[in-house]
PDB file of N, CA and C in Angstrom:
ATOM      1  N   MET A   1     -16.712 -27.665 -17.485  1.00  0.00           N
ATOM      2  CA  MET A   1     -15.885 -26.949 -16.537  1.00  0.00           C
ATOM      3  C   MET A   1     -16.364 -25.773 -16.511  1.00  0.00           C
ATOM      4  N   GLN A   2     -16.650 -25.313 -15.468  1.00  0.00           N
ATOM      5  CA  GLN A   2     -16.758 -23.753 -15.398  1.00  0.00           C
ATOM      6  C   GLN A   2     -15.762 -22.628 -15.303  1.00  0.00           C
ATOM      7  N   ALA A   3     -15.811 -21.585 -15.605  1.00  0.00           N
ATOM      8  CA  ALA A   3     -14.697 -20.600 -15.506  1.00  0.00           C
ATOM      9  C   ALA A   3     -14.839 -19.853 -14.468  1.00  0.00           C
ATOM     10  N   PRO A   4     -13.700 -19.487 -13.891  1.00  0.00           N
ATOM     11  CA  PRO A   4     -13.511 -18.856 -12.303  1.00  0.00           C
ATOM     12  C   PRO A   4     -14.157 -17.460 -12.277  1.00  0.00           C
ATOM     13  N   SER A   5     -14.802 -17.318 -11.494  1.00  0.00           N
ATOM     14  CA  SER A   5     -15.453 -16.174 -11.367  1.00  0.00           C
ATOM     15  C   SER A   5     -14.626 -15.061 -10.522  1.00  0.00           C
ATOM     16  N   GLY A   6     -14.664 -13.646 -10.639  1.00  0.00           N
ATOM     17  CA  GLY A   6     -13.785 -12.841  -9.538  1.00  0.00           C
ATOM     18  C   GLY A   6     -12.621 -12.903  -9.650  1.00  0.00           C
ATOM     19  N   PHE A   7     -11.687 -12.857  -8.381  1.00  0.00           N
ATOM     20  CA  PHE A   7     -10.441 -12.869  -8.211  1.00  0.00           C
ATOM     21  C   PHE A   7      -9.860 -13.929  -7.997  1.00  0.00           C
ATOM     22  N   GLY A   8     -10.801 -15.192  -7.914  1.00  0.00           N
ATOM     23  CA  GLY A   8     -10.254 -16.361  -7.316  1.00  0.00           C
ATOM     24  C   GLY A   8      -8.860 -16.961  -7.940  1.00  0.00           C
ATOM     25  N   TRP A   9      -8.986 -16.894  -9.205  1.00  0.00           N
ATOM     26  CA  TRP A   9      -7.739 -17.374 -10.025  1.00  0.00           C
ATOM     27  C   TRP A   9      -6.509 -16.592  -9.799  1.00  0.00           C
ATOM     28  N   MET A  10      -6.462 -15.767  -9.090  1.00  0.00           N
ATOM     29  CA  MET A  10      -5.353 -14.825  -8.828  1.00  0.00           C
ATOM     30  C   MET A  10      -4.833 -15.389  -7.422  1.00  0.00           C
ATOM     31  N   ALA A  11      -3.450 -15.258  -7.439  1.00  0.00           N
ATOM     32  CA  ALA A  11      -2.715 -15.637  -6.219  1.00  0.00           C
ATOM     33  C   ALA A  11      -2.544 -14.197  -5.481  1.00  0.00           C
ATOM     34  N   TRP A  12      -3.643 -13.824  -4.631  1.00  0.00           N
ATOM     35  CA  TRP A  12      -3.424 -12.523  -3.879  1.00  0.00           C
ATOM     36  C   TRP A  12      -2.857 -12.876  -2.517  1.00  0.00           C
ATOM     37  N   THR A  13      -1.881 -12.307  -2.356  1.00  0.00           N
ATOM     38  CA  THR A  13      -1.499 -12.253  -1.186  1.00  0.00           C
ATOM     39  C   THR A  13      -1.180 -10.908  -0.136  1.00  0.00           C
ATOM     40  N   TRP A  14      -0.787 -10.922   0.798  1.00  0.00           N
ATOM     41  CA  TRP A  14      -0.764  -9.433   1.405  1.00  0.00           C
ATOM     42  C   TRP A  14       0.599  -8.677   0.551  1.00  0.00           C
ATOM     43  N   GLN A  15       1.524  -9.583   0.256  1.00  0.00           N
ATOM     44  CA  GLN A  15       2.888  -8.582  -0.555  1.00  0.00           C
ATOM     45  C   GLN A  15       2.170  -8.118  -1.887  1.00  0.00           C
ATOM     46  N   THR A  16       1.379  -8.949  -2.438  1.00  0.00           N
ATOM     47  CA  THR A  16       0.825  -8.594  -4.075  1.00  0.00           C
ATOM     48  C   THR A  16      -0.227  -7.179  -3.428  1.00  0.00           C
ATOM     49  N   ALA A  17      -0.905  -7.282  -2.543  1.00  0.00           N
ATOM     50  CA  ALA A  17      -1.747  -6.219  -2.371  1.00  0.00           C
ATOM     51  C   ALA A  17      -1.008  -5.033  -1.875  1.00  0.00           C
ATOM     52  N   VAL A  18       0.027  -5.133  -1.261  1.00  0.00           N
ATOM     53  CA  VAL A  18       0.754  -3.951  -0.657  1.00  0.00           C
ATOM     54  C   VAL A  18       1.365  -3.364  -2.088  1.00  0.00           C
ATOM     55  N   PHE A  19       2.080  -4.519  -3.226  1.00  0.00           N
ATOM     56  CA  PHE A  19       2.731  -3.844  -4.455  1.00  0.00           C
ATOM     57  C   PHE A  19       1.648  -2.964  -4.885  1.00  0.00           C
ATOM     58  N   TRP A  20       0.256  -3.124  -5.050  1.00  0.00           N
ATOM     59  CA  TRP A  20      -0.074  -2.409  -6.201  1.00  0.00           C
ATOM     60  C   TRP A  20      -1.098  -1.297  -5.152  1.00  0.00           C
ATOM     61  N   MET A  21      -0.767  -1.298  -3.995  1.00  0.00           N
ATOM     62  CA  MET A  21      -1.247  -0.297  -3.213  1.00  0.00           C
ATOM     63  C   MET A  21      -0.115   0.762  -3.279  1.00  0.00           C
ATOM     64  N   VAL A  22       1.200   0.295  -3.257  1.00  0.00           N
ATOM     65  CA  VAL A  22       2.371   1.402  -3.237  1.00  0.00           C
ATOM     66  C   VAL A  22       2.537   1.672  -4.591  1.00  0.00           C
ATOM     67  N   ILE A  23       1.966   1.173  -5.582  1.00  0.00           N
ATOM     68  CA  ILE A  23       2.148   1.930  -7.128  1.00  0.00           C
ATOM     69  C   ILE A  23       0.936   2.929  -7.025  1.00  0.00           C
ATOM     70  N   ALA A  24      -0.337   2.460  -6.552  1.00  0.00           N
ATOM     71  CA  ALA A  24      -1.641   3.627  -6.748  1.00  0.00           C
ATOM     72  C   ALA A  24      -1.368   4.665  -5.613  1.00  0.00           C
ATOM     73  N   ALA A  25      -0.579   4.540  -4.422  1.00  0.00           N
ATOM     74  CA  ALA A  25      -0.119   5.660  -3.972  1.00  0.00           C
ATOM     75  C   ALA A  25       0.982   6.548  -4.576  1.00  0.00           C
ATOM     76  N   LEU A  26       1.924   5.877  -5.285  1.00  0.00           N
ATOM     77  CA  LEU A  26       2.822   6.784  -6.111  1.00  0.00           C
ATOM     78  C   LEU A  26       2.068   7.623  -7.073  1.00  0.00           C
ATOM     79  N   LEU A  27       1.191   6.834  -7.825  1.00  0.00           N
ATOM     80  CA  LEU A  27       0.315   7.698  -8.739  1.00  0.00           C
ATOM     81  C   LEU A  27      -0.470   8.688  -8.286  1.00  0.00           C
ATOM     82  N   LEU A  28      -1.123   8.243  -6.832  1.00  0.00           N
ATOM     83  CA  LEU A  28      -1.969   9.361  -6.587  1.00  0.00           C
ATOM     84  C   LEU A  28      -0.955  10.713  -6.054  1.00  0.00           C
ATOM     85  N   ALA A  29       0.229  10.327  -5.365  1.00  0.00           N
ATOM     86  CA  ALA A  29       0.926  11.453  -4.892  1.00  0.00           C
ATOM     87  C   ALA A  29       1.816  12.292  -6.162  1.00  0.00           C
ATOM     88  N   MET A  30       1.877  11.426  -7.141  1.00  0.00           N
ATOM     89  CA  MET A  30       2.451  12.321  -8.503  1.00  0.00           C
ATOM     90  C   MET A  30       1.316  13.056  -9.028  1.00  0.00           C
ATOM     91  N   GLY A  31       0.345  12.521  -9.190  1.00  0.00           N
ATOM     92  CA  GLY A  31      -0.800  13.365  -9.633  1.00  0.00           C
ATOM     93  C   GLY A  31      -1.113  14.752  -8.550  1.00  0.00           C
ATOM     94  N   ILE A  32      -1.066  14.615  -7.305  1.00  0.00           N
ATOM     95  CA  ILE A  32      -1.310  15.814  -6.117  1.00  0.00           C
ATOM     96  C   ILE A  32      -0.197  16.682  -6.505  1.00  0.00           C
ATOM     97  N   TRP A  33       1.070  16.328  -6.780  1.00  0.00           N
ATOM     98  CA  TRP A  33       2.251  16.985  -6.855  1.00  0.00           C
ATOM     99  C   TRP A  33       1.998  17.779  -7.993  1.00  0.00           C
ATOM    100  N   GLU A  34       1.621  17.100  -9.138  1.00  0.00           N
ATOM    101  CA  GLU A  34       1.604  17.781 -10.476  1.00  0.00           C
ATOM    102  C   GLU A  34       0.338  18.837 -10.612  1.00  0.00           C
ATOM    103  N   ARG A  35      -0.623  18.781  -9.768  1.00  0.00           N
ATOM    104  CA  ARG A  35      -1.598  19.632  -9.413  1.00  0.00           C
ATOM    105  C   ARG A  35      -1.290  20.833  -8.909  1.00  0.00           C
ATOM    106  N   ARG A  36      -0.422  20.798  -7.773  1.00  0.00           N
ATOM    107  CA  ARG A  36      -0.067  21.928  -6.969  1.00  0.00           C
ATOM    108  C   ARG A  36       1.289  22.413  -7.579  1.00  0.00           C
ATOM    109  N   SER A  37       1.819  21.808  -8.234  1.00  0.00           N
ATOM    110  CA  SER A  37       2.938  22.493  -9.215  1.00  0.00           C
ATOM    111  C   SER A  37       3.261  21.867 -10.588  1.00  0.00           C
ATOM    112  N   PRO A  38       2.138  22.358 -11.442  1.00  0.00           N
ATOM    113  CA  PRO A  38       2.378  22.070 -12.896  1.00  0.00           C
ATOM    114  C   PRO A  38       3.874  22.228 -13.585  1.00  0.00           C
ATOM    115  N   GLY A  39       3.633  20.833 -14.571  1.00  0.00           N
ATOM    116  CA  GLY A  39       4.878  20.958 -15.280  1.00  0.00           C
ATOM    117  C   GLY A  39       6.108  20.169 -14.970  1.00  0.00           C
ATOM    118  N   GLY A  40       6.381  20.398 -13.687  1.00  0.00           N
ATOM    119  CA  GLY A  40       7.298  19.524 -13.151  1.00  0.00           C
ATOM    120  C   GLY A  40       9.003  20.126 -13.678  1.00  0.00           C
ATOM    121  N   SER A  41       9.017  21.085 -14.274  1.00  0.00           N
ATOM    122  CA  SER A  41      10.479  21.436 -14.771  1.00  0.00           C
ATOM    123  C   SER A  41      11.230  20.456 -15.678  1.00  0.00           C
ATOM    124  N   PRO A  42      10.885  20.105 -16.560  1.00  0.00           N
ATOM    125  CA  PRO A  42      11.831  19.171 -17.317  1.00  0.00           C
ATOM    126  C   PRO A  42      12.979  19.518 -17.500  1.00  0.00           C
ATOM    127  N   ARG A  43      13.885  18.467 -17.223  1.00  0.00           N
ATOM    128  CA  ARG A  43      15.091  18.630 -16.853  1.00  0.00           C
ATOM    129  C   ARG A  43      15.969  17.545 -18.054  1.00  0.00           C
ATOM    130  N   ARG A  44      17.520  18.115 -18.443  1.00  0.00           N
ATOM    131  CA  ARG A  44      18.400  17.114 -19.067  1.00  0.00           C
ATOM    132  C   ARG A  44      19.212  16.338 -17.784  1.00  0.00           C
ATOM    133  N   GLY A  45      19.115  14.865 -17.727  1.00  0.00           N
ATOM    134  CA  GLY A  45      20.214  14.589 -16.826  1.00  0.00           C
ATOM    135  C   GLY A  45      21.301  13.486 -17.429  1.00  0.00           C
ATOM    136  N   ILE A  46      21.520  12.758 -16.943  1.00  0.00           N
ATOM    137  CA  ILE A  46      22.655  12.009 -16.965  1.00  0.00           C
ATOM    138  C   ILE A  46      22.615  11.057 -18.307  1.00  0.00           C
ATOM    139  N   LEU A  47      21.536  10.494 -18.361  1.00  0.00           N
ATOM    140  CA  LEU A  47      21.283   9.922 -19.640  1.00  0.00           C
ATOM    141  C   LEU A  47      20.941  10.836 -21.105  1.00  0.00           C
ATOM    142  N   GLY A  48      20.966  11.951 -20.818  1.00  0.00           N
ATOM    143  CA  GLY A  48      20.887  13.011 -22.078  1.00  0.00           C
ATOM    144  C   GLY A  48      19.303  12.872 -22.433  1.00  0.00           C
ATOM    145  N   LEU A  49      18.491  12.719 -21.181  1.00  0.00           N
ATOM    146  CA  LEU A  49      17.100  12.595 -21.921  1.00  0.00           C
ATOM    147  C   LEU A  49      16.534  13.884 -21.307  1.00  0.00           C
ATOM    148  N   THR A  50      15.716  14.488 -21.898  1.00  0.00           N
ATOM    149  CA  THR A  50      14.999  15.318 -20.979  1.00  0.00           C
ATOM    150  C   THR A  50      13.749  14.951 -20.617  1.00  0.00           C
ATOM    151  N   THR A  51      13.570  14.955 -19.355  1.00  0.00           N
ATOM    152  CA  THR A  51      12.556  14.307 -18.505  1.00  0.00           C
ATOM    153  C   THR A  51      11.772  15.097 -17.549  1.00  0.00           C
ATOM    154  N   THR A  52      10.483  14.490 -17.557  1.00  0.00           N
ATOM    155  CA  THR A  52       9.551  15.293 -16.366  1.00  0.00           C
ATOM    156  C   THR A  52       9.540  14.172 -15.145  1.00  0.00           C
ATOM    157  N   ARG A  53       8.958  14.826 -14.060  1.00  0.00           N
ATOM    158  CA  ARG A  53       8.692  13.904 -13.014  1.00  0.00           C
ATOM    159  C   ARG A  53       7.996  12.446 -13.577  1.00  0.00           C
ATOM    160  N   GLY A  54       6.973  12.564 -13.986  1.00  0.00           N
ATOM    161  CA  GLY A  54       6.265  11.576 -14.633  1.00  0.00           C
ATOM    162  C   GLY A  54       7.286  10.499 -15.316  1.00  0.00           C
ATOM    163  N   ASP A  55       7.726  10.888 -16.280  1.00  0.00           N
ATOM    164  CA  ASP A  55       9.217  10.202 -16.885  1.00  0.00           C
ATOM    165  C   ASP A  55       9.852   9.312 -16.012  1.00  0.00           C
ATOM    166  N   ARG A  56      10.433  10.167 -15.023  1.00  0.00           N
ATOM    167  CA  ARG A  56      11.431   9.620 -13.849  1.00  0.00           C
ATOM    168  C   ARG A  56      10.641   8.765 -13.229  1.00  0.00           C
ATOM    169  N   LEU A  57       9.277   8.582 -12.723  1.00  0.00           N
ATOM    170  CA  LEU A  57       8.484   7.700 -11.868  1.00  0.00           C
ATOM    171  C   LEU A  57       8.388   6.511 -12.962  1.00  0.00           C
ATOM    172  N   PHE A  58       8.215   6.625 -14.263  1.00  0.00           N
ATOM    173  CA  PHE A  58       7.981   5.525 -15.054  1.00  0.00           C
ATOM    174  C   PHE A  58       9.109   4.680 -15.388  1.00  0.00           C
ATOM    175  N   ILE A  59      10.379   5.596 -15.273  1.00  0.00           N
ATOM    176  CA  ILE A  59      11.674   4.711 -15.423  1.00  0.00           C
ATOM    177  C   ILE A  59      12.076   4.037 -14.286  1.00  0.00           C
ATOM    178  N   SER A  60      11.454   4.581 -13.081  1.00  0.00           N
ATOM    179  CA  SER A  60      12.154   4.171 -11.521  1.00  0.00           C
ATOM    180  C   SER A  60      11.145   2.920 -11.494  1.00  0.00           C
ATOM    181  N   LEU A  61      10.076   2.897 -11.862  1.00  0.00           N
ATOM    182  CA  LEU A  61       9.092   1.656 -11.733  1.00  0.00           C
ATOM    183  C   LEU A  61       9.616   0.758 -12.596  1.00  0.00           C
ATOM    184  N   LEU A  62       9.978   1.077 -14.013  1.00  0.00           N
ATOM    185  CA  LEU A  62      10.588   0.061 -14.816  1.00  0.00           C
ATOM    186  C   LEU A  62      11.906  -0.662 -14.241  1.00  0.00           C
ATOM    187  N   ALA A  63      12.869   0.386 -13.720  1.00  0.00           N
ATOM    188  CA  ALA A  63      13.892  -0.175 -13.113  1.00  0.00           C
ATOM    189  C   ALA A  63      13.991  -1.091 -12.103  1.00  0.00           C
ATOM    190  N   ALA A  64      12.751  -0.686 -11.197  1.00  0.00           N
ATOM    191  CA  ALA A  64      12.404  -1.688 -10.118  1.00  0.00           C
ATOM    192  C   ALA A  64      12.060  -3.047 -10.484  1.00  0.00           C
ATOM    193  N   ALA A  65      11.225  -2.941 -11.515  1.00  0.00           N
ATOM    194  CA  ALA A  65      10.938  -4.367 -12.001  1.00  0.00           C
ATOM    195  C   ALA A  65      11.628  -5.056 -12.646  1.00  0.00           C
ATOM    196  N   TYR A  66      12.739  -4.755 -13.455  1.00  0.00           N
ATOM    197  CA  TYR A  66      13.911  -5.212 -13.960  1.00  0.00           C
ATOM    198  C   TYR A  66      14.718  -5.999 -12.942  1.00  0.00           C
ATOM    199  N   LEU A  67      15.000  -4.891 -11.774  1.00  0.00           N
ATOM    200  CA  LEU A  67      16.042  -5.407 -10.632  1.00  0.00           C
ATOM    201  C   LEU A  67      15.291  -6.660 -10.080  1.00  0.00           C
ATOM    202  N   HIS A  68      14.163  -6.467  -9.807  1.00  0.00           N
ATOM    203  CA  HIS A  68      13.295  -7.651  -9.010  1.00  0.00           C
ATOM    204  C   HIS A  68      13.463  -8.924  -9.660  1.00  0.00           C
ATOM    205  N   MET A  69      13.134  -8.697 -10.973  1.00  0.00           N
ATOM    206  CA  MET A  69      13.243  -9.903 -12.122  1.00  0.00           C
ATOM    207  C   MET A  69      14.564 -10.680 -12.044  1.00  0.00           C
ATOM    208  N   LEU A  70      15.689  -9.950 -12.123  1.00  0.00           N
ATOM    209  CA  LEU A  70      17.012 -10.238 -11.827  1.00  0.00           C
ATOM    210  C   LEU A  70      17.530 -10.690 -10.722  1.00  0.00           C
ATOM    211  N   TRP A  71      17.064 -10.384  -9.416  1.00  0.00           N
ATOM    212  CA  TRP A  71      17.317 -10.591  -8.285  1.00  0.00           C
ATOM    213  C   TRP A  71      16.482 -11.848  -7.914  1.00  0.00           C
ATOM    214  N   LEU A  72      15.589 -12.347  -8.259  1.00  0.00           N
ATOM    215  CA  LEU A  72      14.855 -13.415  -8.490  1.00  0.00           C
ATOM    216  C   LEU A  72      15.559 -14.652  -9.439  1.00  0.00           C
ATOM    217  N   ALA A  73      16.176 -14.191 -10.455  1.00  0.00           N
ATOM    218  CA  ALA A  73      16.808 -15.228 -11.296  1.00  0.00           C
ATOM    219  C   ALA A  73      18.121 -15.641 -10.868  1.00  0.00           C
ATOM    220  N   LEU A  74      18.932 -14.286 -10.265  1.00  0.00           N
ATOM    221  CA  LEU A  74      20.263 -14.598  -9.904  1.00  0.00           C
ATOM    222  C   LEU A  74      20.834 -14.919  -8.481  1.00  0.00           C
ATOM    223  N   SER A  75      19.646 -14.611  -7.303  1.00  0.00           N
ATOM    224  CA  SER A  75      20.047 -14.291  -6.272  1.00  0.00           C
ATOM    225  C   SER A  75      19.168 -15.295  -5.298  1.00  0.00           C
ATOM    226  N   ALA A  76      19.488 -15.671  -4.197  1.00  0.00           N
ATOM    227  CA  ALA A  76      18.825 -16.527  -3.325  1.00  0.00           C
ATOM    228  C   ALA A  76      18.728 -15.687  -2.060  1.00  0.00           C
ATOM    229  N   TRP A  77      18.768 -14.316  -1.873  1.00  0.00           N
ATOM    230  CA  TRP A  77      18.830 -13.566  -1.034  1.00  0.00           C
ATOM    231  C   TRP A  77      17.468 -13.089  -0.993  1.00  0.00           C
ATOM    232  N   PRO A  78      16.599 -12.894   0.553  1.00  0.00           N
ATOM    233  CA  PRO A  78      15.513 -12.325   0.471  1.00  0.00           C
ATOM    234  C   PRO A  78      15.213 -11.033  -0.637  1.00  0.00           C
ATOM    235  N   LEU A  79      14.042 -10.995  -1.167  1.00  0.00           N
ATOM    236  CA  LEU A  79      13.424 -10.087  -1.982  1.00  0.00           C
ATOM    237  C   LEU A  79      13.308  -8.457  -1.558  1.00  0.00           C
ATOM    238  N   HIS A  80      13.455  -8.554   0.250  1.00  0.00           N
ATOM    239  CA  HIS A  80      13.262  -7.119   0.716  1.00  0.00           C
ATOM    240  C   HIS A  80      14.740  -6.487   0.294  1.00  0.00           C
ATOM    241  N   TRP A  81      15.655  -6.908  -0.011  1.00  0.00           N
ATOM    242  CA  TRP A  81      16.733  -6.316  -0.107  1.00  0.00           C
ATOM    243  C   TRP A  81      16.840  -5.640  -1.641  1.00  0.00           C
ATOM    244  N   ALA A  82      16.269  -6.438  -2.480  1.00  0.00           N
ATOM    245  CA  ALA A  82      15.831  -6.007  -4.105  1.00  0.00           C
ATOM    246  C   ALA A  82      14.681  -4.534  -3.696  1.00  0.00           C
ATOM    247  N   THR A  83      14.057  -4.583  -2.936  1.00  0.00           N
ATOM    248  CA  THR A  83      12.987  -3.824  -2.576  1.00  0.00           C
ATOM    249  C   THR A  83      13.801  -2.307  -2.347  1.00  0.00           C
ATOM    250  N   ALA A  84      14.639  -2.487  -1.265  1.00  0.00           N
ATOM    251  CA  ALA A  84      15.458  -1.532  -0.759  1.00  0.00           C
ATOM    252  C   ALA A  84      16.435  -0.860  -1.578  1.00  0.00           C
ATOM    253  N   LEU A  85      16.974  -1.509  -2.430  1.00  0.00           N
ATOM    254  CA  LEU A  85      17.732  -1.583  -3.664  1.00  0.00           C
ATOM    255  C   LEU A  85      17.158  -0.438  -4.308  1.00  0.00           C
ATOM    256  N   SER A  86      15.655  -0.966  -4.942  1.00  0.00           N
ATOM    257  CA  SER A  86      15.174  -0.237  -5.978  1.00  0.00           C
ATOM    258  C   SER A  86      14.599   0.960  -5.474  1.00  0.00           C
ATOM    259  N   CYS A  87      14.285   1.213  -3.822  1.00  0.00           N
ATOM    260  CA  CYS A  87      13.923   2.640  -3.432  1.00  0.00           C
ATOM    261  C   CYS A  87      15.275   3.669  -3.600  1.00  0.00           C
ATOM    262  N   VAL A  88      16.452   3.165  -3.102  1.00  0.00           N
ATOM    263  CA  VAL A  88      17.556   3.637  -3.520  1.00  0.00           C
ATOM    264  C   VAL A  88      17.823   4.162  -5.032  1.00  0.00           C
ATOM    265  N   LEU A  89      17.688   3.100  -5.754  1.00  0.00           N
ATOM    266  CA  LEU A  89      17.692   3.474  -7.427  1.00  0.00           C
ATOM    267  C   LEU A  89      16.700   4.452  -7.827  1.00  0.00           C
ATOM    268  N   ALA A  90      15.513   4.649  -7.178  1.00  0.00           N
ATOM    269  CA  ALA A  90      14.429   5.567  -7.441  1.00  0.00           C
ATOM    270  C   ALA A  90      14.862   7.015  -7.139  1.00  0.00           C
ATOM    271  N   VAL A  91      15.612   7.035  -5.987  1.00  0.00           N
ATOM    272  CA  VAL A  91      16.035   8.381  -5.287  1.00  0.00           C
ATOM    273  C   VAL A  91      17.130   8.947  -6.297  1.00  0.00           C
ATOM    274  N   LEU A  92      17.934   7.970  -6.630  1.00  0.00           N
ATOM    275  CA  LEU A  92      18.881   8.463  -7.641  1.00  0.00           C
ATOM    276  C   LEU A  92      18.326   8.739  -9.197  1.00  0.00           C
ATOM    277  N   ILE A  93      17.525   8.197  -9.659  1.00  0.00           N
ATOM    278  CA  ILE A  93      17.057   8.684 -10.880  1.00  0.00           C
ATOM    279  C   ILE A  93      16.292   9.885 -10.999  1.00  0.00           C
ATOM    280  N   PHE A  94      15.213  10.250  -9.560  1.00  0.00           N
ATOM    281  CA  PHE A  94      14.548  11.418  -9.591  1.00  0.00           C
ATOM    282  C   PHE A  94      15.763  12.370  -9.085  1.00  0.00           C
ATOM    283  N   ARG A  95      16.857  12.295  -8.498  1.00  0.00           N
ATOM    284  CA  ARG A  95      18.010  13.207  -8.652  1.00  0.00           C
ATOM    285  C   ARG A  95      19.076  13.735  -9.940  1.00  0.00           C
ATOM    286  N   LYS A  96      19.133  12.495 -10.611  1.00  0.00           N
ATOM    287  CA  LYS A  96      20.161  12.462 -11.710  1.00  0.00           C
ATOM    288  C   LYS A  96      19.665  12.476 -13.259  1.00  0.00           C
ATOM    289  N   VAL A  97      18.369  11.734 -13.218  1.00  0.00           N
ATOM    290  CA  VAL A  97      18.228  11.433 -14.706  1.00  0.00           C
ATOM    291  C   VAL A  97      17.401  12.507 -15.152  1.00  0.00           C
TER     292      VAL A  97
END
């Protein structure tokens, strides 16, 4: 049996491509933002952590991943609602954490 070559073994759908493009765009935007305004003014938020913009982006991405996994496990509703909720959560994290 021959091993698959390239990306044929992956389940690439347009949703998967959009997912990775959004993460790449977020990282690019954060890089540009950091280049224009270095430092990101670390601040202490609700959680009692001192975080920078990059930390808050990482926390937002982790929260979105966990929210989506919980949504898939516990809900029959479309995943679009979890994505919208993740965006709201990211805004809250950037404002308060």
